[in-house]
Amino acid sequence: MRSARLRGTLLVLGACLFAFGAGAQAPEVPPQGHPYKAIHSLALTVKDLPAARAKVEAALKAAGASDTLAPENKVGSDKVGYAQWSWAVPAKSLEKLLKRLRRLGKVTRDVRQANIPAAGTPALPDRVLLNLAVDGPPVPEKK
């Protein structure tokens, strides 16, 4: 019984790979233009999300960063164990801010994309867009 189920699963998997082209690659997407000096993406895993959230927001404000999202477009909550920010950071403050943020937990992504001028968009050469994602254990709701 077990070997028949395994054989059936392998046949279905093989058919899918054949039908969808196992060697097929995702289409290349051209880089998007943006007005910032760069875009930096940082992702962290922390042990205590509510404490990390307070430290992140204090660090962003101390760096002179400005929020790029409206409150209704914010992502994440302590309940699900995830938070995300998108802030414009003065280029001169970025490295010090990143160093401070990296100390909050385990870094799982740390990538920078250089400037790609966007046609018809005013340039912000002194600003870097920082996209920050923080994962942590979900916080159960109090009953």
Protein backbone atom coordinates (compact mmCIF):
# COMPACT_ATOMS: atom_id res chain seq x y z
CA MET A 1 0.00 0.00 0.00
CA ARG A 2 2.70 2.42 1.04
CA SER A 3 4.92 1.76 -2.00
CA ALA A 4 1.94 2.15 -4.35
CA ARG A 5 1.14 5.56 -2.82
CA LEU A 6 4.80 6.62 -3.09
CA ARG A 7 4.98 5.43 -6.70
CA GLY A 8 1.79 7.37 -7.51
CA THR A 9 3.15 10.52 -5.87
CA LEU A 10 6.40 10.23 -7.82
CA LEU A 11 4.51 9.74 -11.09
CA VAL A 12 2.39 12.85 -10.44
CA LEU A 13 5.49 14.85 -9.52
CA GLY A 14 7.30 13.68 -12.65
CA ALA A 15 4.30 14.60 -14.81
CA CYS A 16 4.18 18.06 -13.26
CA LEU A 17 7.89 18.61 -13.83
CA PHE A 18 7.52 17.50 -17.45
CA ALA A 19 4.41 19.63 -18.06
CA PHE A 20 5.75 22.77 -16.44
CA GLY A 21 9.35 22.41 -17.56
CA ALA A 22 11.62 21.59 -14.63
CA GLY A 23 14.44 23.59 -16.22
CA ALA A 24 12.28 26.63 -16.94
CA GLN A 25 13.43 29.84 -15.32
CA ALA A 26 11.31 32.66 -14.03
CA PRO A 27 11.07 35.57 -16.44
CA GLU A 28 13.55 38.34 -15.80
CA VAL A 29 11.95 41.48 -14.45
CA PRO A 30 13.75 44.72 -15.24
CA PRO A 31 14.80 46.73 -12.18
CA GLN A 32 12.30 49.37 -11.16
CA GLY A 33 13.33 53.01 -11.17
CA HIS A 34 13.24 54.93 -7.91
CA PRO A 35 14.24 58.40 -6.75
CA TYR A 36 16.47 57.29 -3.83
CA LYS A 37 20.24 57.03 -3.69
CA ALA A 38 19.72 53.31 -3.02
CA ILE A 39 17.24 50.81 -1.61
CA HIS A 40 18.43 48.75 1.34
CA SER A 41 16.51 45.66 2.49
CA LEU A 42 17.18 44.27 5.95
CA ALA A 43 15.39 41.32 7.54
CA LEU A 44 15.85 40.16 11.13
CA THR A 45 14.60 37.40 13.38
CA VAL A 46 14.20 38.43 17.02
CA LYS A 47 13.16 36.72 20.26
CA ASP A 48 10.83 39.51 21.46
CA LEU A 49 8.96 41.35 18.70
CA PRO A 50 7.24 44.00 20.86
CA ALA A 51 10.58 45.00 22.42
CA ALA A 52 12.30 44.99 19.02
CA ARG A 53 9.48 47.11 17.53
CA ALA A 54 10.04 49.83 20.13
CA LYS A 55 13.82 49.79 19.55
CA VAL A 56 13.41 49.89 15.76
CA GLU A 57 11.07 52.87 15.88
CA ALA A 58 13.34 54.72 18.32
CA ALA A 59 16.37 54.04 16.09
CA LEU A 60 14.56 55.22 12.95
CA LYS A 61 13.47 58.46 14.59
CA ALA A 62 16.95 59.07 16.03
CA ALA A 63 18.41 58.66 12.53
CA GLY A 64 16.09 61.36 11.15
CA ALA A 65 14.20 58.88 8.97
CA SER A 66 10.74 59.59 7.60
CA ASP A 67 7.97 57.03 7.13
CA THR A 68 7.07 56.33 3.49
CA LEU A 69 3.83 54.43 4.17
CA ALA A 70 0.42 55.63 5.28
CA PRO A 71 -0.73 54.01 8.55
CA GLU A 72 -3.41 51.97 6.75
CA ASN A 73 -0.71 50.39 4.56
CA LYS A 74 1.42 49.11 7.46
CA VAL A 75 2.08 45.38 7.53
CA GLY A 76 2.33 42.99 10.47
CA SER A 77 1.40 42.74 14.12
CA ASP A 78 2.67 41.26 17.35
CA LYS A 79 -0.18 38.74 17.14
CA VAL A 80 1.27 37.18 13.97
CA GLY A 81 4.91 37.74 14.93
CA TYR A 82 5.84 40.00 12.03
CA ALA A 83 6.46 43.69 11.43
CA GLN A 84 7.58 45.64 8.39
CA TRP A 85 8.73 49.22 7.88
CA SER A 86 9.59 51.32 4.85
CA TRP A 87 11.43 54.54 5.71
CA ALA A 88 13.47 57.13 3.85
CA VAL A 89 16.75 57.48 5.75
CA PRO A 90 19.33 60.26 5.35
CA ALA A 91 22.27 58.65 3.53
CA LYS A 92 24.73 60.01 6.09
CA SER A 93 22.85 58.21 8.93
CA LEU A 94 22.32 54.87 7.21
CA GLU A 95 25.41 52.90 8.27
CA LYS A 96 25.08 53.85 11.94
CA LEU A 97 21.36 52.95 11.83
CA LEU A 98 22.03 49.59 10.15
CA LYS A 99 24.67 48.73 12.74
CA ARG A 100 22.18 49.50 15.52
CA LEU A 101 19.40 47.47 13.86
CA ARG A 102 21.62 44.44 13.12
CA ARG A 103 22.31 44.08 16.86
CA LEU A 104 18.59 43.46 17.56
CA GLY A 105 18.56 39.89 16.23
CA LYS A 106 19.74 37.42 13.62
CA VAL A 107 20.15 39.02 10.18
CA THR A 108 18.44 36.91 7.51
CA ARG A 109 18.69 39.39 4.59
CA ASP A 110 20.93 42.41 4.10
CA VAL A 111 20.91 43.68 0.51
CA ARG A 112 21.38 47.06 -1.18
CA GLN A 113 20.26 48.02 -4.70
CA ALA A 114 21.99 51.02 -6.22
CA ASN A 115 20.17 54.00 -7.71
CA ILE A 116 18.22 53.51 -10.90
CA PRO A 117 16.89 56.92 -11.95
CA ALA A 118 13.15 56.96 -12.47
CA ALA A 119 12.03 58.95 -15.48
CA GLY A 120 10.07 62.03 -14.49
CA THR A 121 10.58 61.50 -10.76
CA PRO A 122 12.48 64.05 -8.67
CA ALA A 123 15.70 62.56 -7.31
CA LEU A 124 16.39 62.27 -3.58
CA PRO A 125 20.18 61.76 -3.71
CA ASP A 126 20.57 62.28 0.04
CA ARG A 127 18.00 59.60 0.99
CA VAL A 128 18.11 55.79 1.04
CA LEU A 129 14.90 53.78 1.15
CA LEU A 130 15.15 51.25 4.00
CA ASN A 131 12.78 48.28 3.85
CA LEU A 132 12.93 46.46 7.17
CA ALA A 133 11.20 43.20 8.06
CA VAL A 134 11.29 41.67 11.55
CA ASP A 135 10.06 38.18 12.44
CA GLY A 136 9.53 36.93 15.96
CA PRO A 137 7.36 34.53 17.87
CA PRO A 138 3.66 35.42 17.78
CA VAL A 139 2.33 37.05 20.92
CA PRO A 140 -0.89 35.37 22.06
CA GLU A 141 -3.85 37.63 22.72
CA LYS A 142 -4.74 38.18 26.37
CA LYS A 143 -8.11 36.76 27.29
